[in-house]
Amino acid sequence: MNIVGRRVLVVAALVWLAACAPPHARRTDVLFWNEPQREANFRAMETLYASNVVHHGEAHALPPGAALQPVFDGGGTLDAYMADHHVAGVMVLQDGRIRLERYGLGADPATRWTSFSVAKSFTSTLVGAALRDGAIHSLDDKVTRYIPELSAGAYRDVTVRQLLSMTSGVKWNEDYADPHSDVAMMYEGKREPGVPLLVSYMSHLPREFAPGARWSYKTGETDLIGILVTRATGKTLAAYLAEKIWIPYGMAADAIWLKDDVDGTEAGGSGVSATLGDYARLGQFLLDGGIAGGKPVLADGWLDAATRSQADMHVPGRGYGYQWWTYADGTYEGIGIFGQLLHVDPRRHLVIVQFAAWPVATDDAQAKARAAFVQAVNRAVDGRSD
């Protein structure tokens, strides 16, 4: 057989193998998993999807503190709360000491659990680092300075600040139950050479409001922020996180950050998996003023600006900062669908972390129960029983 014939056979074999291969696993399929899939896979995302490793350093110790028992309204118990809401782990730090650590669903201190939108707050923090490094010049830069592929669409006049505060005015559907929503479809479509698939998707979205006029939650925009950080720094999000925080602050275990399996783009709006203790260390890093290895990591004033309201949600006592949910009492939170939580309370010197696999992405009943858990911790910390 001549070389042309052999090439034809090789091509035919590859076509046959592609036809027989299992369907490509979409990262957004996680929105539609059943409960056993959630409980099994939220701890093993890197076995299902491409990812980068966030390397850790020498562990920053979290010594034990006085044991804390949350005081639930109506006499409920922590065990009942965790069982009722499919909670895989909770940790409470106060003054850098562990006052509560409990696991469920077969998880343990070595378990890495996916973050969902808690990752948005990781990505925001890397913007603060990139500003200090001078890799990002200004929050008032146009996004197109860093992602010129967006120049022809609705993002052409949007600033980095507006992306961070989710006030771009670009139309978006964040319905987690709708398989045709933007949040479910943002990793779909035709690939363009050299352009991240997410950028191609976002570049075709229409405008709904003027930039800065209205707040609207958009996971795809945090993915854009992640791409912006990568373009500005010349480093993957995983590598930059390791360099700036994970190694110098002393996280105890490697984390992982999911990425597109073709173009390598990490998902700035989700996709971090870390241990319960290391999520808590991130909260403590913020309480410590963003200092790691004895050096400031974040731009001057960044932490205060990022964790206070930058956008009016029209909800009393609540606002949105730079990828953080903010509250009138000075607390701020990274919140992820299916029950994830990173709660930081500067006044009480408190960090609360929760892993979970809620039966729904989000609803009022589950959110109220999570907020009630935080209040139960606060009662115990404050010595209250009301």
Protein backbone atom coordinates (compact mmCIF):
# COMPACT_ATOMS: atom_id res chain seq x y z
CA MET A 1 0.00 0.00 0.00
CA ASN A 2 1.40 3.43 -0.93
CA ILE A 3 1.70 6.36 1.47
CA VAL A 4 -1.51 7.99 0.19
CA GLY A 5 -3.44 4.81 0.86
CA ARG A 6 -2.03 4.55 4.37
CA ARG A 7 -2.98 8.16 5.09
CA VAL A 8 -6.53 7.50 3.93
CA LEU A 9 -6.74 4.51 6.28
CA VAL A 10 -5.37 6.58 9.18
CA VAL A 11 -7.88 9.38 8.57
CA ALA A 12 -10.71 6.86 8.31
CA ALA A 13 -9.62 5.26 11.58
CA LEU A 14 -9.54 8.63 13.35
CA VAL A 15 -13.01 9.49 12.05
CA TRP A 16 -14.29 6.11 13.27
CA LEU A 17 -12.68 6.59 16.70
CA ALA A 18 -14.20 10.07 16.99
CA ALA A 19 -17.62 8.68 16.12
CA CYS A 20 -17.26 5.99 18.78
CA ALA A 21 -15.89 8.31 21.47
CA PRO A 22 -18.15 9.28 24.36
CA PRO A 23 -19.88 12.67 24.03
CA HIS A 24 -17.87 15.67 25.19
CA ALA A 25 -18.56 16.50 28.83
CA ARG A 26 -19.74 20.09 29.09
CA ARG A 27 -18.61 21.93 32.21
CA THR A 28 -22.12 23.33 32.57
CA ASP A 29 -23.59 19.80 32.78
CA VAL A 30 -22.97 20.14 36.53
CA LEU A 31 -26.11 22.29 36.69
CA PHE A 32 -28.23 19.27 35.82
CA TRP A 33 -26.58 16.45 37.81
CA ASN A 34 -28.72 14.44 40.23
CA GLU A 35 -27.98 14.26 43.97
CA PRO A 36 -25.71 11.17 43.89
CA GLN A 37 -23.72 12.75 41.04
CA ARG A 38 -23.33 16.00 42.96
CA GLU A 39 -22.18 14.31 46.14
CA ALA A 40 -19.70 12.12 44.24
CA ASN A 41 -18.37 14.66 41.74
CA PHE A 42 -18.17 17.94 43.63
CA ARG A 43 -15.13 16.41 45.39
CA ALA A 44 -13.55 15.09 42.18
CA MET A 45 -14.00 17.71 39.46
CA GLU A 46 -10.45 17.32 38.17
CA THR A 47 -11.22 13.71 37.24
CA LEU A 48 -13.99 14.88 34.90
CA TYR A 49 -12.64 18.11 33.42
CA ALA A 50 -9.31 19.62 32.41
CA SER A 51 -7.66 21.67 35.15
CA ASN A 52 -4.53 23.46 36.32
CA VAL A 53 -2.89 22.85 39.69
CA VAL A 54 -2.51 25.65 42.25
CA HIS A 55 0.62 24.63 44.13
CA HIS A 56 0.73 25.12 47.88
CA GLY A 57 3.47 26.17 50.26
CA GLU A 58 4.42 25.40 53.83
CA ALA A 59 1.18 25.24 55.76
CA HIS A 60 -0.02 28.28 57.69
CA ALA A 61 -1.07 26.71 60.99
CA LEU A 62 -4.68 26.89 62.12
CA PRO A 63 -4.47 26.05 65.83
CA PRO A 64 -7.53 24.93 67.80
CA GLY A 65 -9.59 27.49 69.66
CA ALA A 66 -12.38 27.16 72.20
CA ALA A 67 -15.03 24.77 70.89
CA LEU A 68 -18.12 26.49 69.51
CA GLN A 69 -21.63 25.07 69.28
CA PRO A 70 -23.94 27.05 66.94
CA VAL A 71 -27.14 28.24 68.62
CA PHE A 72 -29.97 27.67 66.14
CA ASP A 73 -33.26 29.45 66.42
CA GLY A 74 -35.93 27.03 67.65
CA GLY A 75 -33.44 24.59 69.18
CA GLY A 76 -32.14 23.00 66.00
CA THR A 77 -28.80 21.20 65.89
CA LEU A 78 -25.78 21.36 63.64
CA ASP A 79 -26.13 17.66 62.79
CA ALA A 80 -29.72 18.18 61.68
CA TYR A 81 -28.80 21.24 59.65
CA MET A 82 -25.99 19.39 57.85
CA ALA A 83 -28.12 16.35 57.12
CA ASP A 84 -31.13 18.34 55.94
CA HIS A 85 -29.07 20.46 53.53
CA HIS A 86 -26.51 17.92 52.24
CA VAL A 87 -23.62 19.75 53.88
CA ALA A 88 -20.20 18.18 53.36
CA GLY A 89 -18.26 20.41 55.72
CA VAL A 90 -18.31 23.52 57.90
CA MET A 91 -15.45 25.40 59.52
CA VAL A 92 -15.40 28.45 61.77
CA LEU A 93 -12.22 30.41 62.44
CA GLN A 94 -12.02 33.16 65.00
CA ASP A 95 -8.78 35.06 65.50
CA GLY A 96 -7.16 32.50 63.21
CA ARG A 97 -8.13 29.55 65.43
CA ILE A 98 -10.48 26.71 64.55
CA ARG A 99 -13.56 26.87 66.76
CA LEU A 100 -15.67 24.48 64.71
CA GLU A 101 -14.83 21.84 62.10
CA ARG A 102 -17.33 19.22 61.05
CA TYR A 103 -17.70 16.98 57.98
CA GLY A 104 -20.52 15.09 56.28
CA LEU A 105 -21.19 13.13 53.08
CA GLY A 106 -17.96 11.18 53.61
CA ALA A 107 -15.74 14.27 53.32
CA ASP A 108 -12.67 14.82 55.51
CA PRO A 109 -9.92 17.44 55.96
CA ALA A 110 -8.16 16.31 52.77
CA THR A 111 -11.29 16.56 50.60
CA ARG A 112 -11.19 19.23 47.90
CA TRP A 113 -14.66 20.56 47.12
CA THR A 114 -15.69 22.69 44.18
CA SER A 115 -16.38 26.36 44.79
CA PHE A 116 -18.80 27.39 42.05
CA SER A 117 -19.16 31.17 42.37
CA VAL A 118 -17.01 31.46 45.48
CA ALA A 119 -14.28 31.38 42.81
CA LYS A 120 -15.46 34.82 41.68
CA SER A 121 -14.01 36.24 44.88
CA PHE A 122 -10.70 34.44 44.19
CA THR A 123 -10.59 36.05 40.74
CA SER A 124 -11.43 39.46 42.19
CA THR A 125 -8.57 39.13 44.66
CA LEU A 126 -6.17 38.39 41.79
CA VAL A 127 -7.29 41.66 40.16
CA GLY A 128 -6.19 43.41 43.35
CA ALA A 129 -2.81 41.68 43.08
CA ALA A 130 -2.45 42.55 39.38
CA LEU A 131 -3.19 46.21 40.17
CA ARG A 132 -0.46 46.25 42.79
CA ASP A 133 1.94 44.63 40.32
CA GLY A 134 1.06 47.20 37.64
CA ALA A 135 -0.10 44.47 35.26
CA ILE A 136 -3.56 46.07 35.26
CA HIS A 137 -3.16 49.82 34.85
CA SER A 138 -6.51 51.07 36.14
CA LEU A 139 -10.02 49.87 36.91
CA ASP A 140 -11.22 52.59 34.56
CA ASP A 141 -9.43 50.99 31.61
CA LYS A 142 -11.72 49.72 28.90
CA VAL A 143 -11.99 45.94 28.97
CA THR A 144 -10.92 45.96 25.32
CA ARG A 145 -7.45 47.14 26.35
CA TYR A 146 -6.89 43.59 27.56
CA ILE A 147 -9.41 41.65 25.45
CA PRO A 148 -9.49 43.42 22.06
CA GLU A 149 -11.67 40.66 20.58
CA LEU A 150 -14.60 42.36 22.34
CA SER A 151 -14.14 45.66 20.48
CA ALA A 152 -16.96 45.16 18.00
CA GLY A 153 -19.69 44.19 20.46
CA ALA A 154 -21.59 45.40 23.51
CA TYR A 155 -18.46 45.31 25.71
CA ARG A 156 -16.58 47.93 23.67
CA ASP A 157 -17.36 50.76 26.13
CA VAL A 158 -17.36 48.69 29.34
CA THR A 159 -14.63 49.30 31.95
CA VAL A 160 -12.84 46.83 34.18
CA ARG A 161 -14.63 48.41 37.15
CA GLN A 162 -18.02 47.76 35.55
CA LEU A 163 -17.12 44.13 34.92
CA LEU A 164 -16.05 43.74 38.54
CA SER A 165 -19.28 45.27 39.85
CA MET A 166 -21.45 43.48 37.24
CA THR A 167 -22.83 46.73 35.86
CA SER A 168 -21.82 46.28 32.22
CA GLY A 169 -25.40 46.62 30.94
CA VAL A 170 -24.94 43.65 28.61
CA LYS A 171 -27.96 41.33 28.40
CA TRP A 172 -27.58 37.97 30.16
CA ASN A 173 -29.69 35.08 31.48
CA GLU A 174 -28.32 33.42 34.67
CA ASP A 175 -31.17 30.88 35.07
CA TYR A 176 -29.46 27.71 36.36
CA ALA A 177 -32.50 25.56 35.65
CA ASP A 178 -32.76 26.57 31.97
CA PRO A 179 -30.51 24.48 29.68
CA HIS A 180 -30.70 27.24 27.06
CA SER A 181 -29.74 30.14 29.36
CA ASP A 182 -26.49 32.03 28.84
CA VAL A 183 -24.96 30.50 31.95
CA ALA A 184 -25.69 27.01 30.57
CA MET A 185 -24.54 27.80 27.02
CA MET A 186 -21.51 30.05 27.54
CA TYR A 187 -19.01 27.33 26.70
CA GLU A 188 -20.80 26.38 23.49
CA GLY A 189 -20.46 27.60 19.92
CA LYS A 190 -17.99 27.76 17.08
CA ARG A 191 -14.34 28.12 17.96
CA GLU A 192 -12.32 30.89 16.37
CA PRO A 193 -8.56 30.41 16.01
CA GLY A 194 -6.69 32.02 18.90
CA VAL A 195 -9.85 33.27 20.64
CA PRO A 196 -11.10 31.70 23.89
CA LEU A 197 -14.50 30.10 23.31
CA LEU A 198 -15.98 32.11 26.18
CA VAL A 199 -14.85 35.37 24.55
CA SER A 200 -16.46 34.33 21.27
CA TYR A 201 -19.73 33.70 23.09
CA MET A 202 -19.66 36.95 25.07
CA SER A 203 -18.70 39.06 22.05
CA HIS A 204 -22.08 38.40 20.43
CA LEU A 205 -24.28 39.35 23.40
CA PRO A 206 -26.58 42.37 22.95
CA ARG A 207 -26.68 45.50 25.09
CA GLU A 208 -29.64 45.96 27.47
CA PHE A 209 -28.65 49.03 29.50
CA ALA A 210 -25.98 51.71 29.37
CA PRO A 211 -22.69 50.69 31.04
CA GLY A 212 -22.86 51.40 34.76
CA ALA A 213 -26.61 51.94 34.81
CA ARG A 214 -27.83 48.71 36.40
CA TRP A 215 -26.52 45.69 38.29
CA SER A 216 -27.14 42.20 36.89
CA TYR A 217 -25.40 39.00 37.92
CA LYS A 218 -23.38 37.39 35.11
CA THR A 219 -21.01 34.47 35.62
CA GLY A 220 -19.65 34.88 32.10
CA GLU A 221 -18.32 38.30 33.01
CA THR A 222 -16.19 36.89 35.80
CA ASP A 223 -14.76 34.45 33.26
CA LEU A 224 -13.87 37.54 31.22
CA ILE A 225 -12.16 39.02 34.29
CA GLY A 226 -10.15 35.82 34.60
CA ILE A 227 -9.06 36.07 30.97
CA LEU A 228 -8.20 39.74 31.54
CA VAL A 229 -5.97 38.82 34.51
CA THR A 230 -4.26 36.11 32.49
CA ARG A 231 -3.67 38.47 29.54
CA ALA A 232 -2.39 41.24 31.83
CA THR A 233 -0.03 39.08 33.90
CA GLY A 234 1.00 36.55 31.28
CA LYS A 235 0.23 33.80 33.80
CA THR A 236 -2.58 31.31 34.27
CA LEU A 237 -4.97 32.05 37.12
CA ALA A 238 -3.68 28.93 38.89
CA ALA A 239 -0.05 30.01 38.59
CA TYR A 240 -0.79 33.59 39.66
CA LEU A 241 -2.88 32.41 42.63
CA ALA A 242 -0.07 30.09 43.69
CA GLU A 243 2.54 32.85 43.36
CA LYS A 244 0.60 35.55 45.16
CA ILE A 245 -1.36 33.69 47.86
CA TRP A 246 -1.34 29.90 47.89
CA ILE A 247 2.44 29.52 48.40
CA PRO A 248 3.41 32.65 50.41
CA TYR A 249 0.38 32.62 52.72
CA GLY A 250 0.80 28.91 53.35
CA MET A 251 -2.15 26.97 52.05
CA ALA A 252 -1.86 23.37 53.22
CA ALA A 253 -2.81 21.54 50.02
CA ASP A 254 -2.79 22.03 46.27
CA ALA A 255 -5.99 23.42 44.79
CA ILE A 256 -7.20 22.93 41.23
CA TRP A 257 -8.75 25.36 38.76
CA LEU A 258 -10.89 24.02 35.90
CA LYS A 259 -10.11 25.10 32.36
CA ASP A 260 -11.30 24.68 28.79
CA ASP A 261 -9.84 21.44 27.47
CA VAL A 262 -9.05 22.98 24.07
CA ASP A 263 -8.03 26.64 24.55
CA GLY A 264 -6.84 26.27 28.15
CA THR A 265 -8.89 29.20 29.47
CA GLU A 266 -9.65 28.89 33.18
CA ALA A 267 -13.16 29.66 34.40
CA GLY A 268 -12.76 32.83 36.44
CA GLY A 269 -16.37 32.60 37.61
CA SER A 270 -16.18 29.06 39.01
CA GLY A 271 -14.03 25.95 38.95
CA VAL A 272 -11.72 26.26 41.98
CA SER A 273 -11.56 23.20 44.22
CA ALA A 274 -9.80 23.40 47.58
CA THR A 275 -9.95 21.94 51.06
CA LEU A 276 -12.18 23.36 53.76
CA GLY A 277 -9.13 24.55 55.69
CA ASP A 278 -7.66 26.35 52.69
CA TYR A 279 -10.90 28.20 51.93
CA ALA A 280 -10.81 29.30 55.56
CA ARG A 281 -7.17 30.37 55.17
CA LEU A 282 -8.17 32.57 52.23
CA GLY A 283 -10.72 34.29 54.48
CA GLN A 284 -8.05 34.69 57.16
CA PHE A 285 -5.63 36.12 54.57
CA LEU A 286 -8.21 38.84 53.94
CA LEU A 287 -8.77 39.45 57.65
CA ASP A 288 -4.98 39.75 57.94
CA GLY A 289 -5.13 42.65 55.47
CA GLY A 290 -3.98 40.79 52.37
CA ILE A 291 -0.47 40.17 53.68
CA ALA A 292 1.37 37.01 52.62
CA GLY A 293 4.99 36.17 53.32
CA GLY A 294 5.26 39.44 55.22
CA LYS A 295 4.42 41.50 52.13
CA PRO A 296 1.22 43.21 50.94
CA VAL A 297 -0.29 41.33 48.00
CA LEU A 298 -3.14 43.67 47.05
CA ALA A 299 -3.21 47.24 45.77
CA ASP A 300 -3.58 49.91 48.45
CA GLY A 301 -7.26 50.36 49.29
CA TRP A 302 -8.28 47.32 47.24
CA LEU A 303 -9.68 45.23 50.05
CA ASP A 304 -11.88 48.01 51.40
CA ALA A 305 -13.23 48.85 47.94
CA ALA A 306 -13.78 45.24 46.88
CA THR A 307 -15.73 44.29 49.99
CA ARG A 308 -18.10 47.26 50.24
CA SER A 309 -21.08 47.91 48.01
CA GLN A 310 -20.22 49.16 44.53
CA ALA A 311 -23.61 48.41 42.99
CA ASP A 312 -27.14 48.88 44.29
CA MET A 313 -29.09 45.62 44.21
CA HIS A 314 -32.21 47.33 45.57
CA VAL A 315 -32.18 44.91 48.52
CA PRO A 316 -32.08 46.62 51.93
CA GLY A 317 -28.81 46.01 53.76
CA ARG A 318 -27.21 44.17 50.88
CA GLY A 319 -24.98 45.20 47.99
CA TYR A 320 -22.41 43.93 45.53
CA GLY A 321 -18.74 44.85 45.65
CA TYR A 322 -16.02 43.65 43.33
CA GLN A 323 -17.24 40.04 43.06
CA TRP A 324 -18.20 39.92 46.75
CA TRP A 325 -21.68 40.07 48.27
CA THR A 326 -21.63 42.85 50.85
CA TYR A 327 -23.77 43.64 53.89
CA ALA A 328 -24.55 46.73 55.94
CA ASP A 329 -22.94 45.21 59.05
CA GLY A 330 -19.53 45.11 57.32
CA THR A 331 -19.51 41.39 56.57
CA TYR A 332 -18.93 40.08 53.06
CA GLU A 333 -19.37 36.74 51.36
CA GLY A 334 -18.34 34.60 48.45
CA ILE A 335 -21.43 32.54 47.61
CA GLY A 336 -21.63 29.55 45.29
CA ILE A 337 -24.61 27.63 43.96
CA PHE A 338 -25.51 24.31 45.59
CA GLY A 339 -24.62 25.73 49.02
CA GLN A 340 -21.01 26.91 48.98
CA LEU A 341 -20.05 29.78 51.31
CA LEU A 342 -17.06 31.87 52.37
CA HIS A 343 -18.25 34.35 54.99
CA VAL A 344 -15.88 36.98 56.41
CA ASP A 345 -16.78 39.11 59.44
CA PRO A 346 -14.08 41.68 60.27
CA ARG A 347 -15.83 42.92 63.41
CA ARG A 348 -15.92 39.46 64.98
CA HIS A 349 -12.57 38.40 63.43
CA LEU A 350 -14.55 35.50 62.04
CA VAL A 351 -14.43 33.25 58.96
CA ILE A 352 -17.18 30.73 58.19
CA VAL A 353 -16.87 28.21 55.38
CA GLN A 354 -19.43 25.72 54.10
CA PHE A 355 -19.28 22.92 51.50
CA ALA A 356 -22.58 21.46 50.32
CA ALA A 357 -24.47 19.64 47.59
CA TRP A 358 -27.90 21.20 47.81
CA PRO A 359 -30.68 19.47 45.83
CA VAL A 360 -31.12 22.69 43.79
CA ALA A 361 -28.65 25.29 42.56
CA THR A 362 -30.31 27.96 44.66
CA ASP A 363 -33.66 28.85 46.14
CA ASP A 364 -34.97 31.00 48.96
CA ALA A 365 -35.47 28.15 51.44
CA GLN A 366 -31.90 26.86 51.09
CA ALA A 367 -30.43 30.37 51.19
CA LYS A 368 -32.42 31.22 54.32
CA ALA A 369 -31.22 28.04 56.02
CA ARG A 370 -27.59 28.90 55.21
CA ALA A 371 -28.07 32.43 56.54
CA ALA A 372 -29.64 30.92 59.67
CA PHE A 373 -26.51 28.79 60.15
CA VAL A 374 -24.36 31.93 60.01
CA GLN A 375 -26.64 33.58 62.57
CA ALA A 376 -26.42 30.48 64.77
CA VAL A 377 -22.63 30.79 64.73
CA ASN A 378 -22.86 34.51 65.54
CA ARG A 379 -25.12 33.82 68.52
CA ALA A 380 -22.60 31.35 69.88
CA VAL A 381 -19.68 33.73 69.29
CA ASP A 382 -21.56 36.59 70.96
CA GLY A 383 -22.73 34.44 73.86
CA ARG A 384 -26.38 34.99 72.96
CA SER A 385 -29.22 32.50 73.15
CA ASP A 386 -31.98 34.67 71.58
